[in-house]
């Protein structure tokens, strides 16, 4: 067995020769519509380290976009996958059920910040979870309209493209989109300067005047926005929106797909202000890298759907369920929510100190181990997407994987595995700081 890697080590140009060969094969075989990030081809991983096919050991500060939050190659998860695969790969839970699906549902019903007793349906992807949450809300309320927010990202299917704010690359030329989707202003403290209560008042004014509460089935929001730029709403914004929804019999759907499962320093981002909602969508970090998603909601809502109205051929696959149960067990045992808080404090402390010398760092923000750096130029905070791309490229070439995001493409986002060591984190932040100084000085 190969020695488990623990440190960053770049032994070839990046991408290396074998990755370059595979990139040519990819270009010949894979649709050009599939995005290209950092074209190194990964062979294996352990903890926070990925090893490519040329032997380079890369420090992962992206976690497959918050999927491998418990780290790569986690023995408990791989053992659970192997054992389940040897016993049963598939039956379709709707035809002949199995215990793993029920056990995952029980765990989510306990963990998710739902107002009251909860029930769950398991699905395959985040977009599928969002679609099901919307159809549940429309069926239960008898209303059509769905309200989402500026800078939102909810997926790539037709309905979730309509729910998503950013055009390129997610929506450009893919319309027409699903109807009865409306957009309200998000709390974005760095750019609007509003308190949570003020931002909520502004958003509610739009909901009432442009849609009408009696027409709204649901308000759908990411408690910490993901692709939109890791935007953390001002304190008080989410509770005020939740209260308004309750007062007007509008369902509140929280999209915790990127922010859930210990990422923000709590099990869910909503937990930071103790907000309870009607429906929660989850995916990404739920199963340690296996495809699984869920909608968890108030039991009376979930039971109001006619039998057969929810489900899917692969939803709650036995192997994915086994991985999820193992991953959740690891999160509990190792207090990865607490570890996320520690990681977040280290990242924000170093980056905010750095921002004092680099005024083009407009803001360092985030919660837990979900941290963003917004890059700007000038007093008017003009978004600087080229700088964000340049910083990411420099980090990648040094063997540190970082991601960009944001409505304007000017945000660097950090999503390290929650098992990253202090030494690995320091190494990655040193590389990132050097790249920021080189590009922004």
Protein backbone atom coordinates (compact mmCIF):
# COMPACT_ATOMS: atom_id res chain seq x y z
CA UNK A 1 0.00 0.00 0.00
CA UNK A 2 1.29 3.47 -0.93
CA UNK A 3 2.34 5.71 1.94
CA UNK A 4 -0.43 8.10 2.94
CA UNK A 5 0.50 11.65 1.87
CA UNK A 6 0.38 14.43 4.45
CA UNK A 7 2.24 17.33 2.85
CA UNK A 8 2.09 19.39 -0.32
CA UNK A 9 4.74 18.41 -2.87
CA UNK A 10 4.99 19.60 -6.49
CA UNK A 11 7.33 17.38 -8.52
CA UNK A 12 6.40 18.38 -12.10
CA UNK A 13 5.04 21.37 -13.91
CA UNK A 14 1.29 21.61 -13.38
CA UNK A 15 -0.40 20.02 -15.19
CA UNK A 16 2.21 17.28 -15.46
CA UNK A 17 2.91 15.18 -18.55
CA UNK A 18 0.39 12.44 -17.80
CA UNK A 19 -2.31 14.96 -16.92
CA UNK A 20 -1.54 16.80 -20.16
CA UNK A 21 -2.05 13.56 -22.10
CA UNK A 22 -5.35 12.92 -20.34
CA UNK A 23 -6.45 16.49 -20.94
CA UNK A 24 -6.09 15.86 -24.68
CA UNK A 25 -8.20 12.72 -24.32
CA UNK A 26 -10.77 14.67 -22.33
CA UNK A 27 -10.95 17.34 -25.01
CA UNK A 28 -11.63 14.62 -27.59
CA UNK A 29 -14.20 12.68 -25.57
CA UNK A 30 -15.96 15.03 -23.13
CA UNK A 31 -18.42 17.79 -24.02
CA UNK A 32 -16.80 21.19 -24.26
CA UNK A 33 -19.71 22.47 -22.18
CA UNK A 34 -18.27 20.85 -19.06
CA UNK A 35 -16.23 23.41 -17.15
CA UNK A 36 -12.45 23.22 -16.84
CA UNK A 37 -10.97 24.22 -13.52
CA UNK A 38 -7.46 23.08 -12.65
CA UNK A 39 -6.65 20.35 -15.24
CA UNK A 40 -4.69 17.94 -13.09
CA UNK A 41 -6.08 14.41 -13.01
CA UNK A 42 -6.40 13.01 -9.50
CA UNK A 43 -5.57 9.42 -8.66
CA UNK A 44 -6.09 9.23 -4.90
CA UNK A 45 -6.54 11.31 -1.80
CA UNK A 46 -6.09 11.26 1.94
CA UNK A 47 -7.27 13.86 4.42
CA UNK A 48 -6.61 17.26 2.82
CA UNK A 49 -4.12 15.98 0.23
CA UNK A 50 -4.88 14.91 -3.34
CA UNK A 51 -2.32 13.02 -5.42
CA UNK A 52 -2.43 13.43 -9.18
CA UNK A 53 -1.37 10.87 -11.78
CA UNK A 54 2.06 12.52 -12.06
CA UNK A 55 2.75 12.12 -8.35
CA UNK A 56 2.12 15.73 -7.32
CA UNK A 57 0.65 16.09 -3.83
CA UNK A 58 -1.84 18.93 -3.84
CA UNK A 59 -3.34 20.67 -0.82
CA UNK A 60 -7.11 20.75 -1.25
CA UNK A 61 -8.80 23.94 -0.03
CA UNK A 62 -11.95 23.26 -2.04
CA UNK A 63 -13.22 19.86 -0.83
CA UNK A 64 -14.88 19.16 -4.18
CA UNK A 65 -17.03 22.26 -3.51
CA UNK A 66 -17.84 21.35 0.11
CA UNK A 67 -18.51 17.68 -0.61
CA UNK A 68 -15.54 15.96 1.05
CA UNK A 69 -15.78 17.98 4.25
CA UNK A 70 -14.72 14.97 6.34
CA UNK A 71 -11.63 14.58 4.13
CA UNK A 72 -10.51 12.21 1.42
CA UNK A 73 -10.07 8.47 1.92
CA UNK A 74 -11.86 8.29 5.27
CA UNK A 75 -11.62 4.66 6.37
CA UNK A 76 -15.00 4.55 8.08
CA UNK A 77 -16.68 5.72 4.89
CA UNK A 78 -14.74 3.55 2.46
CA UNK A 79 -15.30 0.51 4.67
CA UNK A 80 -19.02 1.22 4.80
CA UNK A 81 -19.15 1.63 1.03
CA UNK A 82 -17.26 -1.63 0.45
CA UNK A 83 -19.42 -3.64 2.84
CA UNK A 84 -22.67 -2.28 1.41
CA UNK A 85 -21.54 -2.74 -2.20
CA UNK A 86 -20.77 -6.37 -1.46
CA UNK A 87 -24.28 -6.93 -0.07
CA UNK A 88 -26.66 -4.80 -2.12
CA UNK A 89 -26.24 -2.09 -4.76
CA UNK A 90 -29.83 -1.26 -5.67
CA UNK A 91 -33.46 -2.24 -5.45
CA UNK A 92 -35.26 1.13 -5.64
CA UNK A 93 -36.55 2.06 -2.21
CA UNK A 94 -40.07 2.56 -3.57
CA UNK A 95 -40.20 -1.07 -4.75
CA UNK A 96 -38.46 -3.05 -2.01
CA UNK A 97 -37.08 -0.87 0.83
CA UNK A 98 -33.98 -1.31 2.99
CA UNK A 99 -32.89 -0.08 6.40
CA UNK A 100 -30.17 2.35 5.33
CA UNK A 101 -32.64 4.79 3.77
CA UNK A 102 -34.73 4.81 6.95
CA UNK A 103 -31.65 5.31 9.13
CA UNK A 104 -30.45 8.28 7.08
CA UNK A 105 -33.92 9.83 7.23
CA UNK A 106 -33.96 9.37 11.01
CA UNK A 107 -30.58 11.07 11.32
CA UNK A 108 -31.63 14.03 9.17
CA UNK A 109 -34.93 14.39 11.00
CA UNK A 110 -32.96 14.76 14.22
CA UNK A 111 -30.27 17.11 12.87
CA UNK A 112 -32.03 19.47 10.48
CA UNK A 113 -33.32 22.80 11.86
CA UNK A 114 -36.98 22.10 11.13
CA UNK A 115 -39.81 23.59 13.17
CA UNK A 116 -41.32 20.53 14.82
CA UNK A 117 -41.32 16.78 14.08
CA UNK A 118 -39.70 16.10 10.71
CA UNK A 119 -39.72 13.61 7.86
CA UNK A 120 -37.37 13.16 4.90
CA UNK A 121 -37.23 12.09 1.27
CA UNK A 122 -33.85 11.08 -0.18
CA UNK A 123 -32.75 12.08 -3.68
CA UNK A 124 -29.63 12.26 -5.84
CA UNK A 125 -28.43 15.85 -6.21
CA UNK A 126 -28.83 19.30 -4.76
CA UNK A 127 -30.80 20.55 -7.73
CA UNK A 128 -33.16 17.59 -7.44
CA UNK A 129 -33.67 18.36 -3.75
CA UNK A 130 -34.50 21.99 -4.52
CA UNK A 131 -36.95 20.98 -7.26
CA UNK A 132 -38.72 18.63 -4.87
CA UNK A 133 -38.87 21.23 -2.11
CA UNK A 134 -40.52 23.67 -4.53
CA UNK A 135 -43.07 21.14 -5.73
CA UNK A 136 -43.87 20.18 -2.13
CA UNK A 137 -44.41 23.84 -1.25
CA UNK A 138 -46.66 24.45 -4.26
CA UNK A 139 -48.71 21.34 -3.60
CA UNK A 140 -49.19 21.99 0.11
CA UNK A 141 -50.01 25.71 -0.16
CA UNK A 142 -51.95 25.61 -3.43
CA UNK A 143 -49.96 28.66 -4.52
CA UNK A 144 -47.59 29.09 -7.45
CA UNK A 145 -45.06 31.85 -6.76
CA UNK A 146 -41.58 31.16 -5.41
CA UNK A 147 -39.36 33.97 -4.10
CA UNK A 148 -35.58 33.72 -4.29
CA UNK A 149 -32.82 36.27 -3.75
CA UNK A 150 -30.19 38.24 -5.59
CA UNK A 151 -26.90 36.32 -5.97
CA UNK A 152 -28.66 32.98 -5.35
CA UNK A 153 -27.49 29.69 -6.80
CA UNK A 154 -29.79 26.66 -6.64
CA UNK A 155 -28.76 24.38 -9.52
CA UNK A 156 -28.61 23.71 -13.26
CA UNK A 157 -31.93 22.03 -14.09
CA UNK A 158 -34.59 24.13 -15.80
CA UNK A 159 -36.41 25.09 -12.63
CA UNK A 160 -33.25 25.64 -10.61
CA UNK A 161 -31.75 27.76 -13.40
CA UNK A 162 -34.81 29.98 -13.03
CA UNK A 163 -34.12 30.13 -9.29
CA UNK A 164 -30.44 30.94 -9.83
CA UNK A 165 -29.45 34.59 -10.26
CA UNK A 166 -26.22 34.45 -12.29
CA UNK A 167 -26.51 34.22 -16.07
CA UNK A 168 -23.05 33.12 -17.24
CA UNK A 169 -22.31 30.26 -17.20
CA UNK A 170 -25.41 28.82 -15.56
CA UNK A 171 -28.32 30.28 -17.54
CA UNK A 172 -26.92 31.86 -20.70
CA UNK A 173 -28.98 30.79 -23.76
CA UNK A 174 -30.69 27.94 -21.89
CA UNK A 175 -34.15 29.51 -21.60
CA UNK A 176 -37.07 29.76 -21.51
CA UNK A 177 -37.13 29.09 -17.81
CA UNK A 178 -39.81 27.91 -15.43
CA UNK A 179 -42.36 30.63 -14.60
CA UNK A 180 -43.60 32.13 -11.33
CA UNK A 181 -40.13 32.75 -9.92
CA UNK A 182 -39.49 36.17 -8.36
CA UNK A 183 -36.37 37.77 -6.93
CA UNK A 184 -35.90 39.86 -3.80
CA UNK A 185 -32.82 41.80 -2.61
CA UNK A 186 -30.40 39.85 -0.43
CA UNK A 187 -28.73 41.16 2.69
CA UNK A 188 -25.17 41.89 1.51
CA UNK A 189 -23.59 43.94 4.31
CA UNK A 190 -20.37 44.75 2.45
CA UNK A 191 -22.28 46.35 -0.42
CA UNK A 192 -25.57 47.58 1.05
CA UNK A 193 -24.48 48.68 4.54
CA UNK A 194 -27.84 47.68 6.00
CA UNK A 195 -28.58 45.99 9.29
CA UNK A 196 -30.36 42.66 9.18
CA UNK A 197 -33.66 44.26 10.14
CA UNK A 198 -33.28 46.98 7.50
CA UNK A 199 -32.37 44.48 4.78
CA UNK A 200 -35.31 42.25 5.76
CA UNK A 201 -37.69 45.21 5.63
CA UNK A 202 -36.46 46.02 2.12
CA UNK A 203 -36.87 42.40 0.97
CA UNK A 204 -40.32 42.04 2.55
CA UNK A 205 -41.44 45.23 0.81
CA UNK A 206 -40.57 43.62 -2.52
CA UNK A 207 -42.32 40.37 -1.58
CA UNK A 208 -45.49 42.19 -0.58
CA UNK A 209 -45.64 44.78 -3.35
CA UNK A 210 -44.38 42.81 -6.34
CA UNK A 211 -45.71 39.32 -5.58
CA UNK A 212 -48.19 39.44 -2.73
CA UNK A 213 -48.02 37.12 0.27
CA UNK A 214 -51.24 35.37 -0.72
CA UNK A 215 -49.62 34.28 -4.00
CA UNK A 216 -46.38 32.98 -2.48
CA UNK A 217 -45.88 29.27 -1.92
CA UNK A 218 -42.41 29.65 -0.48
CA UNK A 219 -39.39 31.82 0.12
CA UNK A 220 -36.20 29.93 -0.81
CA UNK A 221 -32.84 31.12 0.50
CA UNK A 222 -29.29 29.96 1.17
CA UNK A 223 -28.55 30.94 4.80
CA UNK A 224 -24.99 31.61 3.62
CA UNK A 225 -24.92 32.04 -0.13
CA UNK A 226 -22.51 29.81 -2.01
CA UNK A 227 -21.79 30.46 -5.67
CA UNK A 228 -23.02 34.04 -5.25
CA UNK A 229 -19.93 34.86 -3.20
CA UNK A 230 -20.21 33.32 0.29
CA UNK A 231 -22.46 36.21 1.26
CA UNK A 232 -23.32 36.10 4.97
CA UNK A 233 -26.52 38.04 5.67
CA UNK A 234 -26.51 40.55 8.50
CA UNK A 235 -27.68 39.26 11.86
CA UNK A 236 -31.42 39.46 12.17
CA UNK A 237 -32.15 39.13 8.45
CA UNK A 238 -33.01 35.41 8.43
CA UNK A 239 -35.12 35.49 11.63
CA UNK A 240 -37.12 38.44 10.27
CA UNK A 241 -37.80 36.69 6.96
CA UNK A 242 -38.75 33.49 8.81
CA UNK A 243 -41.17 35.39 11.06
CA UNK A 244 -42.81 37.09 8.07
CA UNK A 245 -43.22 33.73 6.34
CA UNK A 246 -44.91 32.23 9.40
CA UNK A 247 -47.23 35.21 9.77
CA UNK A 248 -48.29 34.93 6.13
CA UNK A 249 -48.48 31.11 5.79
CA UNK A 250 -45.59 31.17 3.32
CA UNK A 251 -43.23 28.20 3.58
CA UNK A 252 -39.59 28.97 4.34
CA UNK A 253 -37.17 26.70 2.43
CA UNK A 254 -33.52 26.78 3.49
CA UNK A 255 -31.01 25.62 0.88
CA UNK A 256 -28.22 24.23 3.09
CA UNK A 257 -26.64 22.25 0.26
CA UNK A 258 -23.25 23.97 0.46
CA UNK A 259 -23.42 25.34 4.01
CA UNK A 260 -24.67 22.24 5.80
CA UNK A 261 -22.99 19.40 7.70
CA UNK A 262 -20.62 21.26 10.02
CA UNK A 263 -19.18 23.52 7.31
CA UNK A 264 -20.11 26.82 8.99
CA UNK A 265 -19.22 25.82 12.55
CA UNK A 266 -22.65 24.38 13.34
CA UNK A 267 -24.42 21.41 11.83
CA UNK A 268 -26.32 23.90 9.69
CA UNK A 269 -25.88 27.60 8.99
CA UNK A 270 -29.38 28.30 10.31
CA UNK A 271 -28.25 27.13 13.74
CA UNK A 272 -26.15 30.27 14.18
CA UNK A 273 -29.29 32.32 14.93
CA UNK A 274 -31.51 29.43 16.01
CA UNK A 275 -33.81 29.76 13.01
CA UNK A 276 -36.25 26.90 12.40
CA UNK A 277 -37.83 26.48 8.98
CA UNK A 278 -40.42 24.44 7.11
CA UNK A 279 -38.15 22.64 4.62
CA UNK A 280 -34.38 22.11 4.38
CA UNK A 281 -32.53 20.88 1.30
CA UNK A 282 -29.21 19.09 1.76
CA UNK A 283 -26.60 17.37 -0.42
CA UNK A 284 -22.83 17.85 -0.92
CA UNK A 285 -21.28 17.09 2.51
CA UNK A 286 -23.95 14.59 3.50
CA UNK A 287 -22.20 11.42 2.33
CA UNK A 288 -18.46 12.03 2.22
CA UNK A 289 -18.31 12.12 -1.58
CA UNK A 290 -21.12 9.79 -2.62
CA UNK A 291 -24.11 11.29 -4.49
CA UNK A 292 -26.99 11.80 -2.09
CA UNK A 293 -29.42 14.62 -1.36
CA UNK A 294 -32.50 15.16 0.74
CA UNK A 295 -35.49 17.29 1.55
CA UNK A 296 -36.30 17.30 5.25
CA UNK A 297 -39.40 19.12 6.41
CA UNK A 298 -42.17 19.41 8.92
CA UNK A 299 -43.92 16.04 9.11
CA UNK A 300 -47.36 17.42 8.30
CA UNK A 301 -45.98 19.04 5.14
CA UNK A 302 -44.06 15.98 4.00
CA UNK A 303 -47.09 13.74 4.62
CA UNK A 304 -49.44 16.05 2.71
CA UNK A 305 -48.05 14.83 -0.62
CA UNK A 306 -49.96 11.95 -2.24
CA UNK A 307 -48.28 8.56 -2.18
CA UNK A 308 -45.99 8.17 -5.17
CA UNK A 309 -45.63 11.93 -5.59
CA UNK A 310 -42.07 11.89 -4.22
CA UNK A 311 -39.21 9.56 -5.04
CA UNK A 312 -36.95 8.49 -7.88
CA UNK A 313 -35.19 5.41 -9.18
CA UNK A 314 -31.83 6.02 -7.52
CA UNK A 315 -32.84 8.29 -4.65
CA UNK A 316 -31.39 7.02 -1.37
CA UNK A 317 -29.19 4.42 -3.05
CA UNK A 318 -28.04 1.80 -0.48
CA UNK A 319 -24.32 2.52 -0.97
CA UNK A 320 -24.81 6.28 -0.70
CA UNK A 321 -26.88 5.76 2.46
CA UNK A 322 -24.15 3.64 4.02
CA UNK A 323 -21.62 6.37 3.23
CA UNK A 324 -23.87 9.03 4.74
CA UNK A 325 -24.35 7.14 8.00
CA UNK A 326 -20.59 6.66 8.30
CA UNK A 327 -19.89 10.31 7.44
CA UNK A 328 -22.40 11.63 9.97
CA UNK A 329 -20.90 9.34 12.60
CA UNK A 330 -17.42 10.77 11.91
CA UNK A 331 -18.77 14.33 12.11
CA UNK A 332 -20.30 13.59 15.50
CA UNK A 333 -17.34 11.68 16.92
CA UNK A 334 -14.71 14.19 15.87
CA UNK A 335 -16.79 17.32 16.52
CA UNK A 336 -16.14 18.63 13.03
CA UNK A 337 -18.42 21.59 13.68
CA UNK A 338 -16.04 22.68 16.41
CA UNK A 339 -13.08 22.06 14.13
CA UNK A 340 -14.73 24.23 11.47
CA UNK A 341 -14.89 27.11 13.95
CA UNK A 342 -11.21 26.73 14.76
CA UNK A 343 -10.26 26.62 11.08
CA UNK A 344 -12.42 29.66 10.36
CA UNK A 345 -10.83 31.72 13.11
CA UNK A 346 -7.35 30.90 11.82
CA UNK A 347 -8.22 31.76 8.22
CA UNK A 348 -10.05 35.01 8.94
CA UNK A 349 -7.40 36.21 11.40
CA UNK A 350 -4.57 35.79 8.91
CA UNK A 351 -6.52 37.12 5.93
CA UNK A 352 -7.91 40.16 7.74
CA UNK A 353 -4.44 41.08 8.92
CA UNK A 354 -3.25 40.75 5.33
CA UNK A 355 -6.11 42.96 4.11
CA UNK A 356 -4.75 45.85 6.21
CA UNK A 357 -1.79 45.99 3.81
CA UNK A 358 -3.77 45.19 0.66
CA UNK A 359 -6.74 47.53 0.25
CA UNK A 360 -7.87 45.66 -2.88
CA UNK A 361 -9.05 42.97 -0.48
CA UNK A 362 -12.45 44.54 -0.02
CA UNK A 363 -13.70 42.09 2.57
CA UNK A 364 -12.82 38.84 4.26
CA UNK A 365 -16.02 37.14 5.37
CA UNK A 366 -17.56 33.81 6.15
CA UNK A 367 -18.67 31.54 8.89
CA UNK A 368 -16.71 28.56 10.15
CA UNK A 369 -14.63 26.93 7.44
CA UNK A 370 -16.61 28.67 4.67
CA UNK A 371 -14.52 31.78 4.07
CA UNK A 372 -14.36 34.23 1.18
CA UNK A 373 -12.06 37.02 0.03
CA UNK A 374 -13.75 39.64 -2.14
CA UNK A 375 -11.34 41.52 -4.41
CA UNK A 376 -12.16 45.02 -5.63
CA UNK A 377 -10.63 48.14 -7.16
CA UNK A 378 -11.30 51.77 -6.30
CA UNK A 379 -13.42 53.49 -3.70
CA UNK A 380 -16.60 52.31 -5.44
CA UNK A 381 -15.73 48.66 -4.73
CA UNK A 382 -15.60 47.69 -8.42
CA UNK A 383 -15.40 43.87 -8.57
CA UNK A 384 -11.97 42.62 -9.73
CA UNK A 385 -12.56 39.24 -11.37
CA UNK A 386 -9.19 39.14 -13.22
CA UNK A 387 -7.36 39.49 -9.90
CA UNK A 388 -9.34 36.64 -8.34
CA UNK A 389 -8.54 34.41 -11.30
CA UNK A 390 -4.86 35.34 -11.18
CA UNK A 391 -4.61 34.58 -7.45
CA UNK A 392 -6.31 31.20 -7.93
CA UNK A 393 -3.96 30.34 -10.79
CA UNK A 394 -0.88 31.17 -8.74
CA UNK A 395 -2.12 29.03 -5.87
CA UNK A 396 -2.90 26.15 -8.21
CA UNK A 397 0.54 26.29 -9.77
CA UNK A 398 2.02 26.04 -6.27
CA UNK A 399 -0.06 22.94 -5.60
CA UNK A 400 -2.84 24.57 -3.54
CA UNK A 401 -6.38 24.12 -4.87
CA UNK A 402 -8.57 27.18 -4.32
CA UNK A 403 -11.83 28.12 -6.01
CA UNK A 404 -13.37 31.34 -7.22
CA UNK A 405 -17.04 32.33 -7.12
CA UNK A 406 -19.32 35.33 -6.88
CA UNK A 407 -21.90 36.99 -9.07
CA UNK A 408 -19.07 39.15 -10.43
CA UNK A 409 -16.40 36.41 -10.37
CA UNK A 410 -14.27 38.41 -7.94
CA UNK A 411 -14.40 36.17 -4.86
CA UNK A 412 -11.90 33.55 -3.75
CA UNK A 413 -13.62 30.91 -1.64
CA UNK A 414 -11.97 28.59 0.84
CA UNK A 415 -13.58 25.27 1.76
CA UNK A 416 -10.84 23.14 3.32
CA UNK A 417 -11.61 19.65 4.55
CA UNK A 418 -12.52 19.90 8.22
CA UNK A 419 -9.79 17.38 9.02
CA UNK A 420 -7.03 19.60 7.63
CA UNK A 421 -4.13 19.78 10.08
CA UNK A 422 -2.87 23.06 11.52
CA UNK A 423 0.37 22.57 9.60
CA UNK A 424 -1.43 21.99 6.30
CA UNK A 425 -3.68 24.97 6.85
CA UNK A 426 -0.73 27.22 7.64
CA UNK A 427 1.04 26.01 4.50
CA UNK A 428 -1.98 26.70 2.32
CA UNK A 429 -2.56 30.14 3.80
CA UNK A 430 1.11 31.01 3.31
CA UNK A 431 0.83 30.18 -0.38
CA UNK A 432 -2.44 32.10 -0.67
CA UNK A 433 -0.99 35.14 1.09
CA UNK A 434 1.97 35.12 -1.26
CA UNK A 435 -0.30 34.96 -4.28
CA UNK A 436 -2.46 37.81 -2.97
CA UNK A 437 0.60 39.97 -2.38
CA UNK A 438 1.97 39.23 -5.83
CA UNK A 439 -1.29 40.10 -7.61
CA UNK A 440 -2.59 42.94 -5.44
CA UNK A 441 0.53 44.79 -4.29
